[in-house]
Amino acid sequence: MANEADADPQAAESTGAATASAVHADIAGLTYEQARDELVDIVARLENGQSGLEESMGLWQRGEALAAHCATWLDRAEAKIAAQE
């Protein structure tokens, strides 16, 4: 019997994105420095190579979310500076 993901790959992708967003919802409350420091830690853990595939994938996804959060902080800072000029 086919599951929902087999029937509609886009629905499965949307559900996966929504689940990932919920899992990483705490990131929105982090300062730039907190997010950057956690991202540095994740990179070190991934480079160490001691994590299994599943854990590495989770770390990678969280790292992506942290990197996006940091980029948002930097974009806002740049916009503030540009507005003051």
PDB file of N, CA and C in Angstrom:
ATOM      1  N   MET A   1       0.844  -1.179   0.000  1.00  0.00           N
ATOM      2  CA  MET A   1       0.000   0.000   0.000  1.00  0.00           C
ATOM      3  C   MET A   1       0.887   1.239   0.000  1.00  0.00           C
ATOM      4  N   ALA A   2       0.609   2.185  -0.892  1.00  0.00           N
ATOM      5  CA  ALA A   2       1.414   3.403  -1.003  1.00  0.00           C
ATOM      6  C   ALA A   2       1.087   4.348   0.133  1.00  0.00           C
ATOM      7  N   ASN A   3       2.120   5.049   0.612  1.00  0.00           N
ATOM      8  CA  ASN A   3       1.859   6.040   1.650  1.00  0.00           C
ATOM      9  C   ASN A   3       1.626   7.398   1.014  1.00  0.00           C
ATOM     10  N   GLU A   4       1.326   8.383   1.838  1.00  0.00           N
ATOM     11  CA  GLU A   4       1.008   9.715   1.340  1.00  0.00           C
ATOM     12  C   GLU A   4       2.180  10.316   0.575  1.00  0.00           C
ATOM     13  N   ALA A   5       3.419  10.071   1.030  1.00  0.00           N
ATOM     14  CA  ALA A   5       4.599  10.615   0.352  1.00  0.00           C
ATOM     15  C   ALA A   5       4.718  10.056  -1.057  1.00  0.00           C
ATOM     16  N   ASP A   6       4.382   8.774  -1.249  1.00  0.00           N
ATOM     17  CA  ASP A   6       4.436   8.175  -2.579  1.00  0.00           C
ATOM     18  C   ASP A   6       3.375   8.781  -3.482  1.00  0.00           C
ATOM     19  N   ALA A   7       2.214   9.076  -2.920  1.00  0.00           N
ATOM     20  CA  ALA A   7       1.109   9.594  -3.701  1.00  0.00           C
ATOM     21  C   ALA A   7       1.350  11.047  -4.104  1.00  0.00           C
ATOM     22  N   ASP A   8       1.949  11.846  -3.226  1.00  0.00           N
ATOM     23  CA  ASP A   8       2.144  13.265  -3.493  1.00  0.00           C
ATOM     24  C   ASP A   8       3.476  13.725  -2.910  1.00  0.00           C
ATOM     25  N   PRO A   9       4.553  13.651  -3.699  1.00  0.00           N
ATOM     26  CA  PRO A   9       5.875  14.036  -3.191  1.00  0.00           C
ATOM     27  C   PRO A   9       5.934  15.470  -2.686  1.00  0.00           C
ATOM     28  N   GLN A  10       5.194  16.398  -3.317  1.00  0.00           N
ATOM     29  CA  GLN A  10       5.201  17.785  -2.857  1.00  0.00           C
ATOM     30  C   GLN A  10       4.571  17.905  -1.474  1.00  0.00           C
ATOM     31  N   ALA A  11       3.520  17.152  -1.220  1.00  0.00           N
ATOM     32  CA  ALA A  11       2.889  17.170   0.104  1.00  0.00           C
ATOM     33  C   ALA A  11       3.853  16.626   1.145  1.00  0.00           C
ATOM     34  N   ALA A  12       4.572  15.585   0.787  1.00  0.00           N
ATOM     35  CA  ALA A  12       5.543  15.010   1.715  1.00  0.00           C
ATOM     36  C   ALA A  12       6.658  16.006   1.998  1.00  0.00           C
ATOM     37  N   GLU A  13       7.114  16.721   0.972  1.00  0.00           N
ATOM     38  CA  GLU A  13       8.168  17.713   1.161  1.00  0.00           C
ATOM     39  C   GLU A  13       7.678  18.843   2.051  1.00  0.00           C
ATOM     40  N   SER A  14       6.441  19.304   1.844  1.00  0.00           N
ATOM     41  CA  SER A  14       5.873  20.356   2.686  1.00  0.00           C
ATOM     42  C   SER A  14       5.748  19.900   4.119  1.00  0.00           C
ATOM     43  N   THR A  15       5.306  18.666   4.325  1.00  0.00           N
ATOM     44  CA  THR A  15       5.175  18.118   5.664  1.00  0.00           C
ATOM     45  C   THR A  15       6.543  18.023   6.322  1.00  0.00           C
ATOM     46  N   GLY A  16       7.533  17.585   5.578  1.00  0.00           N
ATOM     47  CA  GLY A  16       8.894  17.498   6.104  1.00  0.00           C
ATOM     48  C   GLY A  16       9.427  18.860   6.487  1.00  0.00           C
ATOM     49  N   ALA A  17       9.163  19.874   5.671  1.00  0.00           N
ATOM     50  CA  ALA A  17       9.614  21.226   5.975  1.00  0.00           C
ATOM     51  C   ALA A  17       8.916  21.761   7.212  1.00  0.00           C
ATOM     52  N   ALA A  18       7.613  21.472   7.337  1.00  0.00           N
ATOM     53  CA  ALA A  18       6.867  21.922   8.509  1.00  0.00           C
ATOM     54  C   ALA A  18       7.391  21.241   9.766  1.00  0.00           C
ATOM     55  N   THR A  19       7.704  19.955   9.664  1.00  0.00           N
ATOM     56  CA  THR A  19       8.251  19.224  10.806  1.00  0.00           C
ATOM     57  C   THR A  19       9.613  19.778  11.187  1.00  0.00           C
ATOM     58  N   ALA A  20      10.456  20.042  10.205  1.00  0.00           N
ATOM     59  CA  ALA A  20      11.779  20.603  10.476  1.00  0.00           C
ATOM     60  C   ALA A  20      11.653  21.972  11.122  1.00  0.00           C
ATOM     61  N   SER A  21      10.704  22.780  10.664  1.00  0.00           N
ATOM     62  CA  SER A  21      10.492  24.099  11.252  1.00  0.00           C
ATOM     63  C   SER A  21      10.078  23.983  12.706  1.00  0.00           C
ATOM     64  N   ALA A  22       9.205  23.036  13.007  1.00  0.00           N
ATOM     65  CA  ALA A  22       8.755  22.845  14.383  1.00  0.00           C
ATOM     66  C   ALA A  22       9.886  22.360  15.271  1.00  0.00           C
ATOM     67  N   VAL A  23      10.724  21.477  14.753  1.00  0.00           N
ATOM     68  CA  VAL A  23      11.845  20.942  15.521  1.00  0.00           C
ATOM     69  C   VAL A  23      12.846  22.046  15.833  1.00  0.00           C
ATOM     70  N   HIS A  24      13.040  22.976  14.913  1.00  0.00           N
ATOM     71  CA  HIS A  24      14.022  24.032  15.082  1.00  0.00           C
ATOM     72  C   HIS A  24      13.390  25.372  15.472  1.00  0.00           C
ATOM     73  N   ALA A  25      12.185  25.347  16.008  1.00  0.00           N
ATOM     74  CA  ALA A  25      11.482  26.576  16.373  1.00  0.00           C
ATOM     75  C   ALA A  25      12.247  27.381  17.415  1.00  0.00           C
ATOM     76  N   ASP A  26      13.025  26.729  18.262  1.00  0.00           N
ATOM     77  CA  ASP A  26      13.777  27.429  19.296  1.00  0.00           C
ATOM     78  C   ASP A  26      14.837  28.348  18.716  1.00  0.00           C
ATOM     79  N   ILE A  27      15.252  28.126  17.501  1.00  0.00           N
ATOM     80  CA  ILE A  27      16.305  28.930  16.887  1.00  0.00           C
ATOM     81  C   ILE A  27      15.879  30.388  16.755  1.00  0.00           C
ATOM     82  N   ALA A  28      14.616  30.628  16.514  1.00  0.00           N
ATOM     83  CA  ALA A  28      14.130  31.998  16.337  1.00  0.00           C
ATOM     84  C   ALA A  28      14.415  32.876  17.552  1.00  0.00           C
ATOM     85  N   GLY A  29      14.500  32.287  18.728  1.00  0.00           N
ATOM     86  CA  GLY A  29      14.750  33.055  19.938  1.00  0.00           C
ATOM     87  C   GLY A  29      16.220  33.250  20.267  1.00  0.00           C
ATOM     88  N   LEU A  30      17.121  32.714  19.443  1.00  0.00           N
ATOM     89  CA  LEU A  30      18.548  32.824  19.716  1.00  0.00           C
ATOM     90  C   LEU A  30      19.107  34.156  19.226  1.00  0.00           C
ATOM     91  N   THR A  31      20.075  34.680  19.951  1.00  0.00           N
ATOM     92  CA  THR A  31      20.803  35.839  19.461  1.00  0.00           C
ATOM     93  C   THR A  31      21.732  35.371  18.344  1.00  0.00           C
ATOM     94  N   TYR A  32      22.299  36.334  17.636  1.00  0.00           N
ATOM     95  CA  TYR A  32      23.253  35.989  16.586  1.00  0.00           C
ATOM     96  C   TYR A  32      24.412  35.185  17.170  1.00  0.00           C
ATOM     97  N   GLU A  33      24.943  35.649  18.295  1.00  0.00           N
ATOM     98  CA  GLU A  33      26.107  35.000  18.895  1.00  0.00           C
ATOM     99  C   GLU A  33      25.797  33.581  19.352  1.00  0.00           C
ATOM    100  N   GLN A  34      24.620  33.380  19.928  1.00  0.00           N
ATOM    101  CA  GLN A  34      24.223  32.035  20.360  1.00  0.00           C
ATOM    102  C   GLN A  34      24.104  31.097  19.170  1.00  0.00           C
ATOM    103  N   ALA A  35      23.463  31.568  18.112  1.00  0.00           N
ATOM    104  CA  ALA A  35      23.286  30.743  16.909  1.00  0.00           C
ATOM    105  C   ALA A  35      24.638  30.440  16.268  1.00  0.00           C
ATOM    106  N   ARG A  36      25.501  31.435  16.186  1.00  0.00           N
ATOM    107  CA  ARG A  36      26.829  31.245  15.596  1.00  0.00           C
ATOM    108  C   ARG A  36      27.646  30.234  16.390  1.00  0.00           C
ATOM    109  N   ASP A  37      27.610  30.362  17.719  1.00  0.00           N
ATOM    110  CA  ASP A  37      28.382  29.443  18.559  1.00  0.00           C
ATOM    111  C   ASP A  37      27.880  28.010  18.427  1.00  0.00           C
ATOM    112  N   GLU A  38      26.560  27.831  18.371  1.00  0.00           N
ATOM    113  CA  GLU A  38      26.015  26.480  18.196  1.00  0.00           C
ATOM    114  C   GLU A  38      26.373  25.934  16.821  1.00  0.00           C
ATOM    115  N   LEU A  39      26.353  26.793  15.808  1.00  0.00           N
ATOM    116  CA  LEU A  39      26.720  26.367  14.460  1.00  0.00           C
ATOM    117  C   LEU A  39      28.184  25.926  14.418  1.00  0.00           C
ATOM    118  N   VAL A  40      29.054  26.654  15.076  1.00  0.00           N
ATOM    119  CA  VAL A  40      30.473  26.282  15.140  1.00  0.00           C
ATOM    120  C   VAL A  40      30.618  24.910  15.796  1.00  0.00           C
ATOM    121  N   ASP A  41      29.857  24.671  16.861  1.00  0.00           N
ATOM    122  CA  ASP A  41      29.891  23.379  17.553  1.00  0.00           C
ATOM    123  C   ASP A  41      29.413  22.246  16.639  1.00  0.00           C
ATOM    124  N   ILE A  42      28.347  22.490  15.905  1.00  0.00           N
ATOM    125  CA  ILE A  42      27.812  21.478  14.987  1.00  0.00           C
ATOM    126  C   ILE A  42      28.827  21.149  13.901  1.00  0.00           C
ATOM    127  N   VAL A  43      29.460  22.169  13.342  1.00  0.00           N
ATOM    128  CA  VAL A  43      30.465  21.934  12.302  1.00  0.00           C
ATOM    129  C   VAL A  43      31.597  21.066  12.860  1.00  0.00           C
ATOM    130  N   ALA A  44      32.042  21.370  14.074  1.00  0.00           N
ATOM    131  CA  ALA A  44      33.114  20.580  14.689  1.00  0.00           C
ATOM    132  C   ALA A  44      32.676  19.132  14.880  1.00  0.00           C
ATOM    133  N   ARG A  45      31.437  18.926  15.311  1.00  0.00           N
ATOM    134  CA  ARG A  45      30.928  17.564  15.511  1.00  0.00           C
ATOM    135  C   ARG A  45      30.849  16.813  14.190  1.00  0.00           C
ATOM    136  N   LEU A  46      30.408  17.492  13.145  1.00  0.00           N
ATOM    137  CA  LEU A  46      30.324  16.841  11.834  1.00  0.00           C
ATOM    138  C   LEU A  46      31.706  16.538  11.280  1.00  0.00           C
ATOM    139  N   GLU A  47      32.638  17.449  11.461  1.00  0.00           N
ATOM    140  CA  GLU A  47      33.994  17.223  10.972  1.00  0.00           C
ATOM    141  C   GLU A  47      34.684  16.084  11.717  1.00  0.00           C
ATOM    142  N   ASN A  48      34.300  15.889  12.978  1.00  0.00           N
ATOM    143  CA  ASN A  48      34.866  14.818  13.798  1.00  0.00           C
ATOM    144  C   ASN A  48      34.553  13.460  13.191  1.00  0.00           C
ATOM    145  N   GLY A  49      33.373  13.336  12.574  1.00  0.00           N
ATOM    146  CA  GLY A  49      33.008  12.100  11.892  1.00  0.00           C
ATOM    147  C   GLY A  49      32.585  10.958  12.804  1.00  0.00           C
ATOM    148  N   GLN A  50      32.347  11.229  14.064  1.00  0.00           N
ATOM    149  CA  GLN A  50      31.995  10.172  15.007  1.00  0.00           C
ATOM    150  C   GLN A  50      30.481   9.930  15.099  1.00  0.00           C
ATOM    151  N   SER A  51      29.684  10.783  14.472  1.00  0.00           N
ATOM    152  CA  SER A  51      28.230  10.637  14.514  1.00  0.00           C
ATOM    153  C   SER A  51      27.769   9.675  13.434  1.00  0.00           C
ATOM    154  N   GLY A  52      26.694   8.962  13.722  1.00  0.00           N
ATOM    155  CA  GLY A  52      26.091   8.092  12.721  1.00  0.00           C
ATOM    156  C   GLY A  52      25.386   8.914  11.660  1.00  0.00           C
ATOM    157  N   LEU A  53      24.937   8.247  10.625  1.00  0.00           N
ATOM    158  CA  LEU A  53      24.294   8.936   9.502  1.00  0.00           C
ATOM    159  C   LEU A  53      23.062   9.713   9.944  1.00  0.00           C
ATOM    160  N   GLU A  54      22.192   9.072  10.704  1.00  0.00           N
ATOM    161  CA  GLU A  54      20.953   9.735  11.115  1.00  0.00           C
ATOM    162  C   GLU A  54      21.235  10.966  11.971  1.00  0.00           C
ATOM    163  N   GLU A  55      22.154  10.825  12.921  1.00  0.00           N
ATOM    164  CA  GLU A  55      22.508  11.966  13.770  1.00  0.00           C
ATOM    165  C   GLU A  55      23.163  13.069  12.937  1.00  0.00           C
ATOM    166  N   SER A  56      24.025  12.678  12.015  1.00  0.00           N
ATOM    167  CA  SER A  56      24.686  13.665  11.154  1.00  0.00           C
ATOM    168  C   SER A  56      23.674  14.436  10.327  1.00  0.00           C
ATOM    169  N   MET A  57      22.675  13.750   9.810  1.00  0.00           N
ATOM    170  CA  MET A  57      21.632  14.422   9.029  1.00  0.00           C
ATOM    171  C   MET A  57      20.875  15.433   9.895  1.00  0.00           C
ATOM    172  N   GLY A  58      20.559  15.050  11.121  1.00  0.00           N
ATOM    173  CA  GLY A  58      19.885  15.971  12.034  1.00  0.00           C
ATOM    174  C   GLY A  58      20.749  17.174  12.355  1.00  0.00           C
ATOM    175  N   LEU A  59      22.027  16.927  12.588  1.00  0.00           N
ATOM    176  CA  LEU A  59      22.954  18.030  12.858  1.00  0.00           C
ATOM    177  C   LEU A  59      23.052  18.949  11.649  1.00  0.00           C
ATOM    178  N   TRP A  60      23.139  18.354  10.469  1.00  0.00           N
ATOM    179  CA  TRP A  60      23.227  19.148   9.241  1.00  0.00           C
ATOM    180  C   TRP A  60      21.990  20.032   9.085  1.00  0.00           C
ATOM    181  N   GLN A  61      20.811  19.469   9.310  1.00  0.00           N
ATOM    182  CA  GLN A  61      19.574  20.241   9.171  1.00  0.00           C
ATOM    183  C   GLN A  61      19.517  21.380  10.181  1.00  0.00           C
ATOM    184  N   ARG A  62      19.920  21.099  11.418  1.00  0.00           N
ATOM    185  CA  ARG A  62      19.929  22.158  12.425  1.00  0.00           C
ATOM    186  C   ARG A  62      20.967  23.218  12.045  1.00  0.00           C
ATOM    187  N   GLY A  63      22.109  22.781  11.542  1.00  0.00           N
ATOM    188  CA  GLY A  63      23.122  23.732  11.097  1.00  0.00           C
ATOM    189  C   GLY A  63      22.618  24.638   9.986  1.00  0.00           C
ATOM    190  N   GLU A  64      21.882  24.073   9.043  1.00  0.00           N
ATOM    191  CA  GLU A  64      21.284  24.869   7.969  1.00  0.00           C
ATOM    192  C   GLU A  64      20.331  25.920   8.542  1.00  0.00           C
ATOM    193  N   ALA A  65      19.510  25.517   9.507  1.00  0.00           N
ATOM    194  CA  ALA A  65      18.563  26.445  10.129  1.00  0.00           C
ATOM    195  C   ALA A  65      19.310  27.536  10.903  1.00  0.00           C
ATOM    196  N   LEU A  66      20.366  27.161  11.596  1.00  0.00           N
ATOM    197  CA  LEU A  66      21.166  28.143  12.334  1.00  0.00           C
ATOM    198  C   LEU A  66      21.856  29.114  11.372  1.00  0.00           C
ATOM    199  N   ALA A  67      22.395  28.609  10.278  1.00  0.00           N
ATOM    200  CA  ALA A  67      23.048  29.469   9.292  1.00  0.00           C
ATOM    201  C   ALA A  67      22.058  30.469   8.695  1.00  0.00           C
ATOM    202  N   ALA A  68      20.851  30.017   8.418  1.00  0.00           N
ATOM    203  CA  ALA A  68      19.818  30.906   7.877  1.00  0.00           C
ATOM    204  C   ALA A  68      19.453  31.976   8.902  1.00  0.00           C
ATOM    205  N   HIS A  69      19.378  31.581  10.164  1.00  0.00           N
ATOM    206  CA  HIS A  69      19.063  32.530  11.240  1.00  0.00           C
ATOM    207  C   HIS A  69      20.162  33.594  11.339  1.00  0.00           C
ATOM    208  N   CYS A  70      21.411  33.159  11.284  1.00  0.00           N
ATOM    209  CA  CYS A  70      22.535  34.100  11.329  1.00  0.00           C
ATOM    210  C   CYS A  70      22.503  35.047  10.129  1.00  0.00           C
ATOM    211  N   ALA A  71      22.212  34.524   8.962  1.00  0.00           N
ATOM    212  CA  ALA A  71      22.136  35.351   7.759  1.00  0.00           C
ATOM    213  C   ALA A  71      21.041  36.409   7.894  1.00  0.00           C
ATOM    214  N   THR A  72      19.925  36.026   8.493  1.00  0.00           N
ATOM    215  CA  THR A  72      18.840  36.987   8.712  1.00  0.00           C
ATOM    216  C   THR A  72      19.291  38.109   9.633  1.00  0.00           C
ATOM    217  N   TRP A  73      19.975  37.754  10.722  1.00  0.00           N
ATOM    218  CA  TRP A  73      20.515  38.763  11.639  1.00  0.00           C
ATOM    219  C   TRP A  73      21.444  39.719  10.896  1.00  0.00           C
ATOM    220  N   LEU A  74      22.350  39.176  10.105  1.00  0.00           N
ATOM    221  CA  LEU A  74      23.309  40.011   9.390  1.00  0.00           C
ATOM    222  C   LEU A  74      22.630  40.886   8.341  1.00  0.00           C
ATOM    223  N   ASP A  75      21.622  40.348   7.663  1.00  0.00           N
ATOM    224  CA  ASP A  75      20.881  41.138   6.675  1.00  0.00           C
ATOM    225  C   ASP A  75      20.171  42.308   7.340  1.00  0.00           C
ATOM    226  N   ARG A  76      19.571  42.066   8.519  1.00  0.00           N
ATOM    227  CA  ARG A  76      18.893  43.154   9.256  1.00  0.00           C
ATOM    228  C   ARG A  76      19.895  44.209   9.684  1.00  0.00           C
ATOM    229  N   ALA A  77      21.055  43.790  10.153  1.00  0.00           N
ATOM    230  CA  ALA A  77      22.085  44.744  10.585  1.00  0.00           C
ATOM    231  C   ALA A  77      22.551  45.588   9.400  1.00  0.00           C
ATOM    232  N   GLU A  78      22.755  44.964   8.268  1.00  0.00           N
ATOM    233  CA  GLU A  78      23.182  45.668   7.071  1.00  0.00           C
ATOM    234  C   GLU A  78      22.117  46.677   6.641  1.00  0.00           C
ATOM    235  N   ALA A  79      20.849  46.281   6.716  1.00  0.00           N
ATOM    236  CA  ALA A  79      19.757  47.178   6.332  1.00  0.00           C
ATOM    237  C   ALA A  79      19.692  48.380   7.274  1.00  0.00           C
ATOM    238  N   LYS A  80      19.923  48.162   8.565  1.00  0.00           N
ATOM    239  CA  LYS A  80      19.925  49.283   9.521  1.00  0.00           C
ATOM    240  C   LYS A  80      21.045  50.265   9.210  1.00  0.00           C
ATOM    241  N   ILE A  81      22.216  49.732   8.909  1.00  0.00           N
ATOM    242  CA  ILE A  81      23.363  50.589   8.589  1.00  0.00           C
ATOM    243  C   ILE A  81      23.087  51.374   7.312  1.00  0.00           C
ATOM    244  N   ALA A  82      22.546  50.696   6.313  1.00  0.00           N
ATOM    245  CA  ALA A  82      22.246  51.367   5.040  1.00  0.00           C
ATOM    246  C   ALA A  82      21.186  52.448   5.223  1.00  0.00           C
ATOM    247  N   ALA A  83      20.233  52.228   6.116  1.00  0.00           N
ATOM    248  CA  ALA A  83      19.174  53.204   6.350  1.00  0.00           C
ATOM    249  C   ALA A  83      19.696  54.446   7.046  1.00  0.00           C
ATOM    250  N   GLN A  84      20.779  54.308   7.810  1.00  0.00           N
ATOM    251  CA  GLN A  84      21.342  55.435   8.540  1.00  0.00           C
ATOM    252  C   GLN A  84      22.264  56.295   7.664  1.00  0.00           C
ATOM    253  N   GLU A  85      22.663  55.781   6.527  1.00  0.00           N
ATOM    254  CA  GLU A  85      23.594  56.520   5.670  1.00  0.00           C
ATOM    255  C   GLU A  85      22.898  57.578   4.883  1.00  0.00           C
TER     256      GLU A  85
END
